[in-house]
PDB file of N, CA and C in Angstrom:
ATOM      1  N   MET A   1      65.741 161.850 120.028  1.00  0.00           N
ATOM      2  CA  MET A   1      66.417 160.678 120.406  1.00  0.00           C
ATOM      3  C   MET A   1      67.741 160.567 119.650  1.00  0.00           C
ATOM      4  N   ARG A   2      68.758 160.115 120.339  1.00  0.00           N
ATOM      5  CA  ARG A   2      70.069 159.996 119.719  1.00  0.00           C
ATOM      6  C   ARG A   2      70.268 158.594 119.164  1.00  0.00           C
ATOM      7  N   LYS A   3      70.927 158.553 118.057  1.00  0.00           N
ATOM      8  CA  LYS A   3      71.278 157.262 117.486  1.00  0.00           C
ATOM      9  C   LYS A   3      72.603 156.831 118.085  1.00  0.00           C
ATOM     10  N   HIS A   4      72.679 155.542 118.391  1.00  0.00           N
ATOM     11  CA  HIS A   4      73.924 155.010 118.948  1.00  0.00           C
ATOM     12  C   HIS A   4      74.741 154.413 117.813  1.00  0.00           C
ATOM     13  N   HIS A   5      75.895 155.020 117.519  1.00  0.00           N
ATOM     14  CA  HIS A   5      76.802 154.515 116.499  1.00  0.00           C
ATOM     15  C   HIS A   5      77.909 153.703 117.171  1.00  0.00           C
ATOM     16  N   SER A   6      78.221 152.621 116.572  1.00  0.00           N
ATOM     17  CA  SER A   6      79.313 151.800 117.101  1.00  0.00           C
ATOM     18  C   SER A   6      80.635 152.499 116.814  1.00  0.00           C
ATOM     19  N   ARG A   7      81.454 152.638 117.814  1.00  0.00           N
ATOM     20  CA  ARG A   7      82.713 153.329 117.636  1.00  0.00           C
ATOM     21  C   ARG A   7      83.764 152.453 116.953  1.00  0.00           C
ATOM     22  N   MET A   8      83.683 151.152 117.101  1.00  0.00           N
ATOM     23  CA  MET A   8      84.681 150.259 116.542  1.00  0.00           C
ATOM     24  C   MET A   8      84.012 149.162 115.700  1.00  0.00           C
ATOM     25  N   PRO A   9      83.632 149.499 114.496  1.00  0.00           N
ATOM     26  CA  PRO A   9      82.969 148.485 113.670  1.00  0.00           C
ATOM     27  C   PRO A   9      83.937 147.434 113.131  1.00  0.00           C
ATOM     28  N   PHE A  10      85.250 147.681 113.214  1.00  0.00           N
ATOM     29  CA  PHE A  10      86.197 146.718 112.671  1.00  0.00           C
ATOM     30  C   PHE A  10      86.376 145.511 113.584  1.00  0.00           C
ATOM     31  N   PHE A  11      85.838 145.526 114.804  1.00  0.00           N
ATOM     32  CA  PHE A  11      85.915 144.373 115.679  1.00  0.00           C
ATOM     33  C   PHE A  11      84.834 143.351 115.381  1.00  0.00           C
ATOM     34  N   LYS A  12      83.905 143.676 114.543  1.00  0.00           N
ATOM     35  CA  LYS A  12      82.851 142.743 114.207  1.00  0.00           C
ATOM     36  C   LYS A  12      83.420 141.671 113.289  1.00  0.00           C
ATOM     37  N   SER A  13      83.120 140.421 113.579  1.00  0.00           N
ATOM     38  CA  SER A  13      83.617 139.304 112.781  1.00  0.00           C
ATOM     39  C   SER A  13      82.492 138.778 111.915  1.00  0.00           C
ATOM     40  N   ASP A  14      82.824 138.551 110.652  1.00  0.00           N
ATOM     41  CA  ASP A  14      81.814 138.044 109.737  1.00  0.00           C
ATOM     42  C   ASP A  14      81.575 136.548 109.928  1.00  0.00           C
ATOM     43  N   ASP A  15      82.656 135.786 110.168  1.00  0.00           N
ATOM     44  CA  ASP A  15      82.481 134.336 110.253  1.00  0.00           C
ATOM     45  C   ASP A  15      82.138 133.870 111.661  1.00  0.00           C
ATOM     46  N   GLY A  16      82.535 134.550 112.681  1.00  0.00           N
ATOM     47  CA  GLY A  16      82.172 134.202 114.042  1.00  0.00           C
ATOM     48  C   GLY A  16      82.930 133.012 114.603  1.00  0.00           C
ATOM     49  N   ASP A  17      83.911 132.466 113.893  1.00  0.00           N
ATOM     50  CA  ASP A  17      84.651 131.303 114.360  1.00  0.00           C
ATOM     51  C   ASP A  17      85.996 131.746 114.922  1.00  0.00           C
ATOM     52  N   PRO A  18      86.188 131.674 116.226  1.00  0.00           N
ATOM     53  CA  PRO A  18      87.461 132.117 116.802  1.00  0.00           C
ATOM     54  C   PRO A  18      88.625 131.160 116.521  1.00  0.00           C
ATOM     55  N   LEU A  19      88.360 129.932 116.107  1.00  0.00           N
ATOM     56  CA  LEU A  19      89.430 128.976 115.846  1.00  0.00           C
ATOM     57  C   LEU A  19      89.972 129.052 114.422  1.00  0.00           C
ATOM     58  N   SER A  20      89.426 129.928 113.611  1.00  0.00           N
ATOM     59  CA  SER A  20      89.920 130.045 112.237  1.00  0.00           C
ATOM     60  C   SER A  20      91.360 130.565 112.213  1.00  0.00           C
ATOM     61  N   VAL A  21      91.752 131.308 113.226  1.00  0.00           N
ATOM     62  CA  VAL A  21      93.131 131.799 113.313  1.00  0.00           C
ATOM     63  C   VAL A  21      94.088 130.635 113.557  1.00  0.00           C
ATOM     64  N   VAL A  22      93.664 129.652 114.354  1.00  0.00           N
ATOM     65  CA  VAL A  22      94.496 128.496 114.662  1.00  0.00           C
ATOM     66  C   VAL A  22      94.751 127.669 113.401  1.00  0.00           C
ATOM     67  N   VAL A  23      93.755 127.542 112.552  1.00  0.00           N
ATOM     68  CA  VAL A  23      93.914 126.794 111.306  1.00  0.00           C
ATOM     69  C   VAL A  23      94.953 127.467 110.420  1.00  0.00           C
ATOM     70  N   ASN A  24      94.918 128.773 110.342  1.00  0.00           N
ATOM     71  CA  ASN A  24      95.908 129.495 109.550  1.00  0.00           C
ATOM     72  C   ASN A  24      97.306 129.331 110.126  1.00  0.00           C
ATOM     73  N   LEU A  25      97.446 129.323 111.441  1.00  0.00           N
ATOM     74  CA  LEU A  25      98.746 129.112 112.074  1.00  0.00           C
ATOM     75  C   LEU A  25      99.271 127.704 111.791  1.00  0.00           C
ATOM     76  N   PHE A  26      98.380 126.725 111.747  1.00  0.00           N
ATOM     77  CA  PHE A  26      98.785 125.356 111.423  1.00  0.00           C
ATOM     78  C   PHE A  26      99.329 125.280 110.003  1.00  0.00           C
ATOM     79  N   ASP A  27      98.678 125.949 109.065  1.00  0.00           N
ATOM     80  CA  ASP A  27      99.166 125.975 107.676  1.00  0.00           C
ATOM     81  C   ASP A  27     100.559 126.596 107.592  1.00  0.00           C
ATOM     82  N   VAL A  28     100.764 127.669 108.295  1.00  0.00           N
ATOM     83  CA  VAL A  28     102.074 128.332 108.296  1.00  0.00           C
ATOM     84  C   VAL A  28     103.125 127.417 108.902  1.00  0.00           C
ATOM     85  N   ALA A  29     102.794 126.700 109.975  1.00  0.00           N
ATOM     86  CA  ALA A  29     103.741 125.789 110.609  1.00  0.00           C
ATOM     87  C   ALA A  29     104.106 124.638 109.679  1.00  0.00           C
ATOM     88  N   MET A  30     103.155 124.124 108.925  1.00  0.00           N
ATOM     89  CA  MET A  30     103.439 123.031 107.989  1.00  0.00           C
ATOM     90  C   MET A  30     104.368 123.491 106.871  1.00  0.00           C
ATOM     91  N   VAL A  31     104.148 124.668 106.338  1.00  0.00           N
ATOM     92  CA  VAL A  31     105.016 125.203 105.291  1.00  0.00           C
ATOM     93  C   VAL A  31     106.427 125.416 105.840  1.00  0.00           C
ATOM     94  N   PHE A  32     106.527 125.903 107.059  1.00  0.00           N
ATOM     95  CA  PHE A  32     107.825 126.120 107.689  1.00  0.00           C
ATOM     96  C   PHE A  32     108.558 124.795 107.900  1.00  0.00           C
ATOM     97  N   ALA A  33     107.844 123.752 108.336  1.00  0.00           N
ATOM     98  CA  ALA A  33     108.455 122.446 108.574  1.00  0.00           C
ATOM     99  C   ALA A  33     108.975 121.835 107.274  1.00  0.00           C
ATOM    100  N   VAL A  34     108.211 121.939 106.209  1.00  0.00           N
ATOM    101  CA  VAL A  34     108.661 121.409 104.913  1.00  0.00           C
ATOM    102  C   VAL A  34     109.880 122.176 104.427  1.00  0.00           C
ATOM    103  N   ALA A  35     109.887 123.477 104.608  1.00  0.00           N
ATOM    104  CA  ALA A  35     111.045 124.276 104.195  1.00  0.00           C
ATOM    105  C   ALA A  35     112.293 123.884 104.979  1.00  0.00           C
ATOM    106  N   LEU A  36     112.152 123.599 106.269  1.00  0.00           N
ATOM    107  CA  LEU A  36     113.300 123.158 107.068  1.00  0.00           C
ATOM    108  C   LEU A  36     113.824 121.808 106.594  1.00  0.00           C
ATOM    109  N   MET A  37     112.930 120.880 106.244  1.00  0.00           N
ATOM    110  CA  MET A  37     113.372 119.570 105.760  1.00  0.00           C
ATOM    111  C   MET A  37     114.116 119.687 104.431  1.00  0.00           C
ATOM    112  N   VAL A  38     113.605 120.515 103.534  1.00  0.00           N
ATOM    113  CA  VAL A  38     114.273 120.708 102.244  1.00  0.00           C
ATOM    114  C   VAL A  38     115.644 121.342 102.450  1.00  0.00           C
ATOM    115  N   ALA A  39     115.731 122.324 103.342  1.00  0.00           N
ATOM    116  CA  ALA A  39     117.014 122.974 103.614  1.00  0.00           C
ATOM    117  C   ALA A  39     118.008 121.984 104.218  1.00  0.00           C
ATOM    118  N   MET A  40     117.549 121.086 105.084  1.00  0.00           N
ATOM    119  CA  MET A  40     118.427 120.099 105.693  1.00  0.00           C
ATOM    120  C   MET A  40     118.965 119.122 104.643  1.00  0.00           C
ATOM    121  N   VAL A  41     118.104 118.654 103.753  1.00  0.00           N
ATOM    122  CA  VAL A  41     118.535 117.724 102.703  1.00  0.00           C
ATOM    123  C   VAL A  41     119.566 118.386 101.788  1.00  0.00           C
ATOM    124  N   LEU A  42     119.334 119.632 101.442  1.00  0.00           N
ATOM    125  CA  LEU A  42     120.276 120.335 100.583  1.00  0.00           C
ATOM    126  C   LEU A  42     121.589 120.612 101.298  1.00  0.00           C
ATOM    127  N   HIS A  43     121.525 120.936 102.577  1.00  0.00           N
ATOM    128  CA  HIS A  43     122.738 121.236 103.343  1.00  0.00           C
ATOM    129  C   HIS A  43     123.610 119.997 103.528  1.00  0.00           C
ATOM    130  N   LEU A  44     122.999 118.844 103.725  1.00  0.00           N
ATOM    131  CA  LEU A  44     123.744 117.607 103.952  1.00  0.00           C
ATOM    132  C   LEU A  44     124.107 116.892 102.657  1.00  0.00           C
ATOM    133  N   ASN A  45     123.812 117.504 101.520  1.00  0.00           N
ATOM    134  CA  ASN A  45     124.103 116.920 100.205  1.00  0.00           C
ATOM    135  C   ASN A  45     123.524 115.516 100.062  1.00  0.00           C
ATOM    136  N   MET A  46     122.299 115.337 100.498  1.00  0.00           N
ATOM    137  CA  MET A  46     121.634 114.038 100.428  1.00  0.00           C
ATOM    138  C   MET A  46     120.596 114.001  99.314  1.00  0.00           C
ATOM    139  N   THR A  47     120.788 114.793  98.278  1.00  0.00           N
ATOM    140  CA  THR A  47     119.807 114.823  97.196  1.00  0.00           C
ATOM    141  C   THR A  47     119.778 113.522  96.411  1.00  0.00           C
ATOM    142  N   GLU A  48     120.812 112.663  96.542  1.00  0.00           N
ATOM    143  CA  GLU A  48     120.820 111.386  95.845  1.00  0.00           C
ATOM    144  C   GLU A  48     119.691 110.482  96.303  1.00  0.00           C
ATOM    145  N   VAL A  49     119.224 110.669  97.522  1.00  0.00           N
ATOM    146  CA  VAL A  49     118.161 109.831  98.054  1.00  0.00           C
ATOM    147  C   VAL A  49     116.886 109.978  97.229  1.00  0.00           C
ATOM    148  N   PHE A  50     116.674 111.128  96.643  1.00  0.00           N
ATOM    149  CA  PHE A  50     115.433 111.386  95.921  1.00  0.00           C
ATOM    150  C   PHE A  50     115.541 111.123  94.420  1.00  0.00           C
ATOM    151  N   THR A  51     116.697 110.677  93.945  1.00  0.00           N
ATOM    152  CA  THR A  51     116.843 110.360  92.528  1.00  0.00           C
ATOM    153  C   THR A  51     116.583 108.873  92.315  1.00  0.00           C
ATOM    154  N   LYS A  52     116.476 108.458  91.055  1.00  0.00           N
ATOM    155  CA  LYS A  52     116.244 107.057  90.735  1.00  0.00           C
ATOM    156  C   LYS A  52     117.546 106.286  90.572  1.00  0.00           C
ATOM    157  N   GLU A  53     118.678 106.967  90.673  1.00  0.00           N
ATOM    158  CA  GLU A  53     119.974 106.320  90.504  1.00  0.00           C
ATOM    159  C   GLU A  53     120.356 105.549  91.765  1.00  0.00           C
ATOM    160  N   ASP A  54     121.081 104.432  91.575  1.00  0.00           N
ATOM    161  CA  ASP A  54     121.616 103.670  92.701  1.00  0.00           C
ATOM    162  C   ASP A  54     122.879 104.352  93.216  1.00  0.00           C
ATOM    163  N   PHE A  55     123.123 104.271  94.526  1.00  0.00           N
ATOM    164  CA  PHE A  55     124.308 104.903  95.093  1.00  0.00           C
ATOM    165  C   PHE A  55     124.760 104.164  96.340  1.00  0.00           C
ATOM    166  N   THR A  56     125.989 104.431  96.761  1.00  0.00           N
ATOM    167  CA  THR A  56     126.565 103.897  97.993  1.00  0.00           C
ATOM    168  C   THR A  56     127.240 105.034  98.745  1.00  0.00           C
ATOM    169  N   ILE A  57     126.954 105.152 100.033  1.00  0.00           N
ATOM    170  CA  ILE A  57     127.562 106.171 100.890  1.00  0.00           C
ATOM    171  C   ILE A  57     128.276 105.452 102.028  1.00  0.00           C
ATOM    172  N   VAL A  58     129.521 105.823 102.292  1.00  0.00           N
ATOM    173  CA  VAL A  58     130.279 105.266 103.414  1.00  0.00           C
ATOM    174  C   VAL A  58     130.460 106.375 104.439  1.00  0.00           C
ATOM    175  N   LYS A  59     129.881 106.180 105.615  1.00  0.00           N
ATOM    176  CA  LYS A  59     130.013 107.158 106.698  1.00  0.00           C
ATOM    177  C   LYS A  59     131.119 106.691 107.638  1.00  0.00           C
ATOM    178  N   ASN A  60     132.002 107.592 108.030  1.00  0.00           N
ATOM    179  CA  ASN A  60     133.113 107.327 108.948  1.00  0.00           C
ATOM    180  C   ASN A  60     133.970 106.158 108.467  1.00  0.00           C
ATOM    181  N   PRO A  61     134.544 106.249 107.277  1.00  0.00           N
ATOM    182  CA  PRO A  61     135.303 105.110 106.750  1.00  0.00           C
ATOM    183  C   PRO A  61     136.529 104.783 107.595  1.00  0.00           C
ATOM    184  N   GLY A  62     136.707 103.477 107.866  1.00  0.00           N
ATOM    185  CA  GLY A  62     137.863 102.996 108.603  1.00  0.00           C
ATOM    186  C   GLY A  62     137.771 103.129 110.109  1.00  0.00           C
ATOM    187  N   LYS A  63     136.672 103.637 110.629  1.00  0.00           N
ATOM    188  CA  LYS A  63     136.524 103.808 112.074  1.00  0.00           C
ATOM    189  C   LYS A  63     135.604 102.723 112.634  1.00  0.00           C
ATOM    190  N   ASP A  64     135.510 102.663 113.962  1.00  0.00           N
ATOM    191  CA  ASP A  64     134.681 101.646 114.606  1.00  0.00           C
ATOM    192  C   ASP A  64     133.193 101.824 114.313  1.00  0.00           C
ATOM    193  N   ASN A  65     132.749 103.048 114.121  1.00  0.00           N
ATOM    194  CA  ASN A  65     131.328 103.321 113.878  1.00  0.00           C
ATOM    195  C   ASN A  65     131.030 103.526 112.389  1.00  0.00           C
ATOM    196  N   MET A  66     131.773 102.840 111.524  1.00  0.00           N
ATOM    197  CA  MET A  66     131.585 102.977 110.079  1.00  0.00           C
ATOM    198  C   MET A  66     130.232 102.389 109.667  1.00  0.00           C
ATOM    199  N   GLU A  67     129.561 103.058 108.720  1.00  0.00           N
ATOM    200  CA  GLU A  67     128.299 102.588 108.168  1.00  0.00           C
ATOM    201  C   GLU A  67     128.381 102.651 106.655  1.00  0.00           C
ATOM    202  N   ILE A  68     127.767 101.686 105.991  1.00  0.00           N
ATOM    203  CA  ILE A  68     127.674 101.679 104.536  1.00  0.00           C
ATOM    204  C   ILE A  68     126.188 101.706 104.188  1.00  0.00           C
ATOM    205  N   ILE A  69     125.779 102.744 103.474  1.00  0.00           N
ATOM    206  CA  ILE A  69     124.381 102.910 103.088  1.00  0.00           C
ATOM    207  C   ILE A  69     124.297 102.782 101.575  1.00  0.00           C
ATOM    208  N   THR A  70     123.470 101.850 101.100  1.00  0.00           N
ATOM    209  CA  THR A  70     123.311 101.645  99.657  1.00  0.00           C
ATOM    210  C   THR A  70     121.857 101.791  99.278  1.00  0.00           C
ATOM    211  N   LYS A  71     121.638 102.301  98.078  1.00  0.00           N
ATOM    212  CA  LYS A  71     120.282 102.407  97.542  1.00  0.00           C
ATOM    213  C   LYS A  71     120.254 101.631  96.238  1.00  0.00           C
ATOM    214  N   GLU A  72     119.380 100.658  96.175  1.00  0.00           N
ATOM    215  CA  GLU A  72     119.196  99.852  94.977  1.00  0.00           C
ATOM    216  C   GLU A  72     117.721  99.914  94.610  1.00  0.00           C
ATOM    217  N   GLY A  73     117.398 100.659  93.575  1.00  0.00           N
ATOM    218  CA  GLY A  73     115.995 100.852  93.207  1.00  0.00           C
ATOM    219  C   GLY A  73     115.305 101.699  94.252  1.00  0.00           C
ATOM    220  N   ASN A  74     114.239 101.155  94.838  1.00  0.00           N
ATOM    221  CA  ASN A  74     113.515 101.874  95.889  1.00  0.00           C
ATOM    222  C   ASN A  74     113.907 101.400  97.278  1.00  0.00           C
ATOM    223  N   LYS A  75     114.844 100.468  97.374  1.00  0.00           N
ATOM    224  CA  LYS A  75     115.234  99.894  98.659  1.00  0.00           C
ATOM    225  C   LYS A  75     116.538 100.524  99.146  1.00  0.00           C
ATOM    226  N   ILE A  76     116.559 100.958 100.400  1.00  0.00           N
ATOM    227  CA  ILE A  76     117.755 101.528 101.023  1.00  0.00           C
ATOM    228  C   ILE A  76     118.237 100.559 102.095  1.00  0.00           C
ATOM    229  N   ASN A  77     119.491 100.111 101.971  1.00  0.00           N
ATOM    230  CA  ASN A  77     120.080  99.167 102.919  1.00  0.00           C
ATOM    231  C   ASN A  77     121.141  99.878 103.747  1.00  0.00           C
ATOM    232  N   ARG A  78     121.191  99.516 105.026  1.00  0.00           N
ATOM    233  CA  ARG A  78     122.182 100.081 105.940  1.00  0.00           C
ATOM    234  C   ARG A  78     122.984  98.924 106.522  1.00  0.00           C
ATOM    235  N   TYR A  79     124.285  98.967 106.367  1.00  0.00           N
ATOM    236  CA  TYR A  79     125.169  97.907 106.825  1.00  0.00           C
ATOM    237  C   TYR A  79     126.168  98.491 107.809  1.00  0.00           C
ATOM    238  N   ILE A  80     126.206  97.911 109.006  1.00  0.00           N
ATOM    239  CA  ILE A  80     127.178  98.308 110.025  1.00  0.00           C
ATOM    240  C   ILE A  80     128.096  97.108 110.222  1.00  0.00           C
ATOM    241  N   PRO A  81     129.330  97.163 109.701  1.00  0.00           N
ATOM    242  CA  PRO A  81     130.192  95.984 109.703  1.00  0.00           C
ATOM    243  C   PRO A  81     130.458  95.387 111.087  1.00  0.00           C
ATOM    244  N   ASN A  82     130.803  96.188 112.068  1.00  0.00           N
ATOM    245  CA  ASN A  82     131.154  95.654 113.386  1.00  0.00           C
ATOM    246  C   ASN A  82     129.969  95.002 114.073  1.00  0.00           C
ATOM    247  N   ALA A  83     128.800  95.607 113.996  1.00  0.00           N
ATOM    248  CA  ALA A  83     127.618  95.067 114.669  1.00  0.00           C
ATOM    249  C   ALA A  83     127.178  93.753 114.033  1.00  0.00           C
ATOM    250  N   GLU A  84     127.233  93.662 112.716  1.00  0.00           N
ATOM    251  CA  GLU A  84     126.787  92.444 112.049  1.00  0.00           C
ATOM    252  C   GLU A  84     127.818  91.335 112.183  1.00  0.00           C
ATOM    253  N   GLN A  85     129.085  91.638 112.271  1.00  0.00           N
ATOM    254  CA  GLN A  85     130.093  90.603 112.451  1.00  0.00           C
ATOM    255  C   GLN A  85     129.972  89.951 113.816  1.00  0.00           C
ATOM    256  N   THR A  86     129.726  90.750 114.857  1.00  0.00           N
ATOM    257  CA  THR A  86     129.596  90.173 116.191  1.00  0.00           C
ATOM    258  C   THR A  86     128.262  89.474 116.360  1.00  0.00           C
ATOM    259  N   ALA A  87     127.225  89.927 115.675  1.00  0.00           N
ATOM    260  CA  ALA A  87     125.911  89.316 115.819  1.00  0.00           C
ATOM    261  C   ALA A  87     125.850  87.960 115.123  1.00  0.00           C
ATOM    262  N   SER A  88     126.426  87.848 113.955  1.00  0.00           N
ATOM    263  CA  SER A  88     126.308  86.602 113.196  1.00  0.00           C
ATOM    264  C   SER A  88     127.455  85.637 113.465  1.00  0.00           C
ATOM    265  N   GLN A  89     128.612  86.142 113.925  1.00  0.00           N
ATOM    266  CA  GLN A  89     129.787  85.337 114.201  1.00  0.00           C
ATOM    267  C   GLN A  89     130.181  84.484 112.990  1.00  0.00           C
ATOM    268  N   THR A  90     130.026  85.043 111.796  1.00  0.00           N
ATOM    269  CA  THR A  90     130.433  84.332 110.598  1.00  0.00           C
ATOM    270  C   THR A  90     131.846  84.725 110.237  1.00  0.00           C
ATOM    271  N   LYS A  91     132.507  83.823 109.563  1.00  0.00           N
ATOM    272  CA  LYS A  91     133.870  84.106 109.123  1.00  0.00           C
ATOM    273  C   LYS A  91     133.860  84.283 107.622  1.00  0.00           C
ATOM    274  N   GLY A  92     134.731  85.139 107.154  1.00  0.00           N
ATOM    275  CA  GLY A  92     134.826  85.382 105.730  1.00  0.00           C
ATOM    276  C   GLY A  92     136.212  85.014 105.240  1.00  0.00           C
ATOM    277  N   LYS A  93     136.435  85.252 103.975  1.00  0.00           N
ATOM    278  CA  LYS A  93     137.740  84.992 103.402  1.00  0.00           C
ATOM    279  C   LYS A  93     138.251  86.257 102.745  1.00  0.00           C
ATOM    280  N   ARG A  94     139.516  86.350 102.629  1.00  0.00           N
ATOM    281  CA  ARG A  94     140.150  87.504 102.009  1.00  0.00           C
ATOM    282  C   ARG A  94     139.966  87.396 100.494  1.00  0.00           C
ATOM    283  N   VAL A  95     139.472  88.479  99.892  1.00  0.00           N
ATOM    284  CA  VAL A  95     139.199  88.452  98.460  1.00  0.00           C
ATOM    285  C   VAL A  95     140.109  89.390  97.692  1.00  0.00           C
ATOM    286  N   GLY A  96     140.892  90.184  98.359  1.00  0.00           N
ATOM    287  CA  GLY A  96     141.780  91.083  97.648  1.00  0.00           C
ATOM    288  C   GLY A  96     142.437  92.080  98.572  1.00  0.00           C
ATOM    289  N   VAL A  97     143.190  92.990  97.958  1.00  0.00           N
ATOM    290  CA  VAL A  97     143.922  94.008  98.700  1.00  0.00           C
ATOM    291  C   VAL A  97     143.592  95.363  98.093  1.00  0.00           C
ATOM    292  N   ALA A  98     143.421  96.364  98.933  1.00  0.00           N
ATOM    293  CA  ALA A  98     143.173  97.729  98.465  1.00  0.00           C
ATOM    294  C   ALA A  98     144.367  98.597  98.833  1.00  0.00           C
ATOM    295  N   TYR A  99     144.824  99.395  97.879  1.00  0.00           N
ATOM    296  CA  TYR A  99     145.950 100.306  98.093  1.00  0.00           C
ATOM    297  C   TYR A  99     145.478 101.735  97.881  1.00  0.00           C
ATOM    298  N   GLU A 100     145.893 102.633  98.777  1.00  0.00           N
ATOM    299  CA  GLU A 100     145.596 104.050  98.610  1.00  0.00           C
ATOM    300  C   GLU A 100     146.850 104.748  98.106  1.00  0.00           C
ATOM    301  N   LEU A 101     146.703 105.419  96.960  1.00  0.00           N
ATOM    302  CA  LEU A 101     147.828 106.124  96.365  1.00  0.00           C
ATOM    303  C   LEU A 101     148.017 107.484  97.030  1.00  0.00           C
ATOM    304  N   GLU A 102     149.111 108.153  96.716  1.00  0.00           N
ATOM    305  CA  GLU A 102     149.402 109.453  97.310  1.00  0.00           C
ATOM    306  C   GLU A 102     148.371 110.511  96.938  1.00  0.00           C
ATOM    307  N   ASN A 103     147.762 110.390  95.771  1.00  0.00           N
ATOM    308  CA  ASN A 103     146.759 111.369  95.354  1.00  0.00           C
ATOM    309  C   ASN A 103     145.372 111.076  95.919  1.00  0.00           C
ATOM    310  N   GLY A 104     145.235 110.035  96.764  1.00  0.00           N
ATOM    311  CA  GLY A 104     143.973 109.720  97.393  1.00  0.00           C
ATOM    312  C   GLY A 104     143.171 108.673  96.659  1.00  0.00           C
ATOM    313  N   GLU A 105     143.598 108.253  95.494  1.00  0.00           N
ATOM    314  CA  GLU A 105     142.894 107.257  94.712  1.00  0.00           C
ATOM    315  C   GLU A 105     143.116 105.877  95.344  1.00  0.00           C
ATOM    316  N   ILE A 106     142.087 105.040  95.359  1.00  0.00           N
ATOM    317  CA  ILE A 106     142.170 103.712  95.944  1.00  0.00           C
ATOM    318  C   ILE A 106     142.078 102.689  94.810  1.00  0.00           C
ATOM    319  N   ILE A 107     143.013 101.740  94.827  1.00  0.00           N
ATOM    320  CA  ILE A 107     143.051 100.688  93.815  1.00  0.00           C
ATOM    321  C   ILE A 107     142.808  99.355  94.520  1.00  0.00           C
ATOM    322  N   TYR A 108     141.853  98.580  93.998  1.00  0.00           N
ATOM    323  CA  TYR A 108     141.537  97.259  94.547  1.00  0.00           C
ATOM    324  C   TYR A 108     142.156  96.197  93.637  1.00  0.00           C
ATOM    325  N   VAL A 109     142.899  95.265  94.244  1.00  0.00           N
ATOM    326  CA  VAL A 109     143.532  94.182  93.499  1.00  0.00           C
ATOM    327  C   VAL A 109     142.944  92.865  94.010  1.00  0.00           C
ATOM    328  N   PRO A 110     142.094  92.203  93.202  1.00  0.00           N
ATOM    329  CA  PRO A 110     141.534  90.925  93.645  1.00  0.00           C
ATOM    330  C   PRO A 110     142.598  89.835  93.672  1.00  0.00           C
ATOM    331  N   GLU A 111     142.442  88.858  94.540  1.00  0.00           N
ATOM    332  CA  GLU A 111     143.405  87.758  94.635  1.00  0.00           C
ATOM    333  C   GLU A 111     142.900  86.545  93.899  1.00  0.00           C
TER     334      GLU A 111
END
């Protein structure tokens, strides 16, 4: 009588769970997603968001879509001057004058 030897013993699975490959793919996808987020933060120079220091960022200064983003402690505030002025219809008063010098430096003179 002949013995039957399996020609491909490496196809035998010890755990028998076909979805274990999917779990490993999910882990790889999560690591990839975190790496993309870290790369984006570093590329946009937004590392100040993760520090404990307070900061102010002005996006599109002097334009219609200007935004002022401030961080005070753990709170981040976003101020859009045009949208809030039309929404509240409040009037303000002039508090000073700002001058931009030739070297790009801005000087504020309160009144």
